[in-house]
Amino acid sequence: MSGPRSVIGSLEFLQRAFAQSDREKLMLSKQNDLLQAELKRLKGLLADSQREKAGLESRLQAMAANVPLVQQRYMCYFTLSAQRQ
C-alpha cells in the first residue's frame, strides 16, 4: 500500500539520506582542505631541498676545481722538502 504514511516515510528517509550526504560532503571538503595545505607544505619543503642541493652541488664543483691547485701545491712542497734533505 502506498498511502500517505509510506510517502511521508519515504520523504523522511530521503531527507535523512540527503542530510547524511551533506555531512559527508562537508567532512570530505575539510579533509581536502587539510590535504591541500599538506601538499603545499611538502612542495615548499621540496623546493627548499632542491635549492639546498643546488647550493651543495655548486660548492662541490668549486671544491673539485681547486683539487688540481691543491695537488700542485703539495707536489711543490714535497719536491722542495725532498730537495732540502
C-alpha atoms as a PDB file:
ATOM      1  CA  MET A   1       0.000   0.000   0.000  1.00  0.00           C
ATOM      2  CA  SER A   2       1.256   3.399  -0.865  1.00  0.00           C
ATOM      3  CA  GLY A   3      -0.663   5.653   1.382  1.00  0.00           C
ATOM      4  CA  PRO A   4       0.304   8.976   2.888  1.00  0.00           C
ATOM      5  CA  ARG A   5       2.323   7.243   5.615  1.00  0.00           C
ATOM      6  CA  SER A   6       4.568   5.428   3.152  1.00  0.00           C
ATOM      7  CA  VAL A   7       5.050   8.633   1.146  1.00  0.00           C
ATOM      8  CA  ILE A   8       5.919  10.533   4.328  1.00  0.00           C
ATOM      9  CA  GLY A   9       8.243   7.690   5.378  1.00  0.00           C
ATOM     10  CA  SER A  10       9.955   7.773   2.003  1.00  0.00           C
ATOM     11  CA  LEU A  11      10.354  11.547   2.176  1.00  0.00           C
ATOM     12  CA  GLU A  12      11.773  11.335   5.707  1.00  0.00           C
ATOM     13  CA  PHE A  13      14.207   8.644   4.568  1.00  0.00           C
ATOM     14  CA  LEU A  14      15.343  10.808   1.650  1.00  0.00           C
ATOM     15  CA  GLN A  15      15.694  13.812   3.937  1.00  0.00           C
ATOM     16  CA  ARG A  16      17.942  11.831   6.318  1.00  0.00           C
ATOM     17  CA  ALA A  17      19.937  10.466   3.391  1.00  0.00           C
ATOM     18  CA  PHE A  18      20.494  13.965   1.998  1.00  0.00           C
ATOM     19  CA  ALA A  19      21.468  15.270   5.439  1.00  0.00           C
ATOM     20  CA  GLN A  20      23.977  12.423   5.792  1.00  0.00           C
ATOM     21  CA  SER A  21      25.275  13.155   2.301  1.00  0.00           C
ATOM     22  CA  ASP A  22      25.709  16.838   3.186  1.00  0.00           C
ATOM     23  CA  ARG A  23      27.634  15.929   6.352  1.00  0.00           C
ATOM     24  CA  GLU A  24      29.876  13.600   4.352  1.00  0.00           C
ATOM     25  CA  LYS A  25      30.471  16.301   1.738  1.00  0.00           C
ATOM     26  CA  LEU A  26      31.432  18.757   4.477  1.00  0.00           C
ATOM     27  CA  MET A  27      33.778  16.216   6.066  1.00  0.00           C
ATOM     28  CA  LEU A  28      35.379  15.428   2.698  1.00  0.00           C
ATOM     29  CA  SER A  29      35.730  19.125   1.967  1.00  0.00           C
ATOM     30  CA  LYS A  30      37.545  19.662   5.276  1.00  0.00           C
ATOM     31  CA  GLN A  31      39.801  16.674   4.593  1.00  0.00           C
ATOM     32  CA  ASN A  32      40.517  18.036   1.129  1.00  0.00           C
ATOM     33  CA  ASP A  33      41.468  21.412   2.620  1.00  0.00           C
ATOM     34  CA  LEU A  34      43.846  19.705   5.060  1.00  0.00           C
ATOM     35  CA  LEU A  35      45.389  17.623   2.277  1.00  0.00           C
ATOM     36  CA  GLN A  36      45.818  20.702   0.078  1.00  0.00           C
ATOM     37  CA  ALA A  37      47.597  22.508   2.929  1.00  0.00           C
ATOM     38  CA  GLU A  38      49.865  19.493   3.490  1.00  0.00           C
ATOM     39  CA  LEU A  39      50.612  19.299  -0.238  1.00  0.00           C
ATOM     40  CA  LYS A  40      51.547  22.988  -0.256  1.00  0.00           C
ATOM     41  CA  ARG A  41      53.840  22.448   2.753  1.00  0.00           C
ATOM     42  CA  LEU A  42      55.511  19.449   1.111  1.00  0.00           C
ATOM     43  CA  LYS A  43      56.015  21.351  -2.143  1.00  0.00           C
ATOM     44  CA  GLY A  44      57.716  24.093  -0.135  1.00  0.00           C
ATOM     45  CA  LEU A  45      59.990  21.539   1.525  1.00  0.00           C
ATOM     46  CA  LEU A  46      60.816  20.047  -1.863  1.00  0.00           C
ATOM     47  CA  ALA A  47      61.690  23.478  -3.253  1.00  0.00           C
ATOM     48  CA  ASP A  48      63.902  24.167  -0.215  1.00  0.00           C
ATOM     49  CA  SER A  49      65.632  20.813  -0.666  1.00  0.00           C
ATOM     50  CA  GLN A  50      66.220  21.452  -4.349  1.00  0.00           C
ATOM     51  CA  ARG A  51      67.752  24.864  -3.592  1.00  0.00           C
ATOM     52  CA  GLU A  52      69.967  23.316  -0.916  1.00  0.00           C
ATOM     53  CA  LYS A  53      71.016  20.554  -3.324  1.00  0.00           C
ATOM     54  CA  ALA A  54      71.908  23.117  -5.993  1.00  0.00           C
ATOM     55  CA  GLY A  55      73.982  25.051  -3.452  1.00  0.00           C
ATOM     56  CA  LEU A  56      75.800  21.911  -2.331  1.00  0.00           C
ATOM     57  CA  GLU A  57      76.478  20.884  -5.927  1.00  0.00           C
ATOM     58  CA  SER A  58      77.880  24.338  -6.620  1.00  0.00           C
ATOM     59  CA  ARG A  59      80.162  24.120  -3.568  1.00  0.00           C
ATOM     60  CA  LEU A  60      81.266  20.637  -4.599  1.00  0.00           C
ATOM     61  CA  GLN A  61      82.120  21.852  -8.104  1.00  0.00           C
ATOM     62  CA  ALA A  62      84.113  24.741  -6.648  1.00  0.00           C
ATOM     63  CA  MET A  63      85.980  22.338  -4.364  1.00  0.00           C
ATOM     64  CA  ALA A  64      86.632  19.962  -7.264  1.00  0.00           C
ATOM     65  CA  ALA A  65      88.018  22.847  -9.313  1.00  0.00           C
ATOM     66  CA  ASN A  66      90.514  23.536  -6.509  1.00  0.00           C
ATOM     67  CA  VAL A  67      91.783  19.949  -6.327  1.00  0.00           C
ATOM     68  CA  PRO A  68      94.417  20.364  -9.084  1.00  0.00           C
ATOM     69  CA  LEU A  69      95.692  23.554  -7.416  1.00  0.00           C
ATOM     70  CA  VAL A  70      95.982  21.826  -4.044  1.00  0.00           C
ATOM     71  CA  GLN A  71      97.713  18.840  -5.645  1.00  0.00           C
ATOM     72  CA  GLN A  72     100.137  21.162  -7.397  1.00  0.00           C
ATOM     73  CA  ARG A  73     100.933  22.991  -4.136  1.00  0.00           C
ATOM     74  CA  TYR A  74     101.594  19.764  -2.277  1.00  0.00           C
ATOM     75  CA  MET A  75     103.747  18.433  -5.098  1.00  0.00           C
ATOM     76  CA  CYS A  76     105.816  21.634  -4.970  1.00  0.00           C
ATOM     77  CA  TYR A  77     106.047  21.362  -1.179  1.00  0.00           C
ATOM     78  CA  PHE A  78     107.100  17.727  -1.278  1.00  0.00           C
ATOM     79  CA  THR A  79     109.565  18.405  -4.089  1.00  0.00           C
ATOM     80  CA  LEU A  80     111.118  21.280  -2.148  1.00  0.00           C
ATOM     81  CA  SER A  81     111.187  19.185   1.029  1.00  0.00           C
ATOM     82  CA  ALA A  82     112.892  16.329  -0.798  1.00  0.00           C
ATOM     83  CA  GLN A  83     115.446  18.697  -2.318  1.00  0.00           C
ATOM     84  CA  ARG A  84     116.286  20.166   1.100  1.00  0.00           C
ATOM     85  CA  GLN A  85     117.027  16.762   2.584  1.00  0.00           C
END
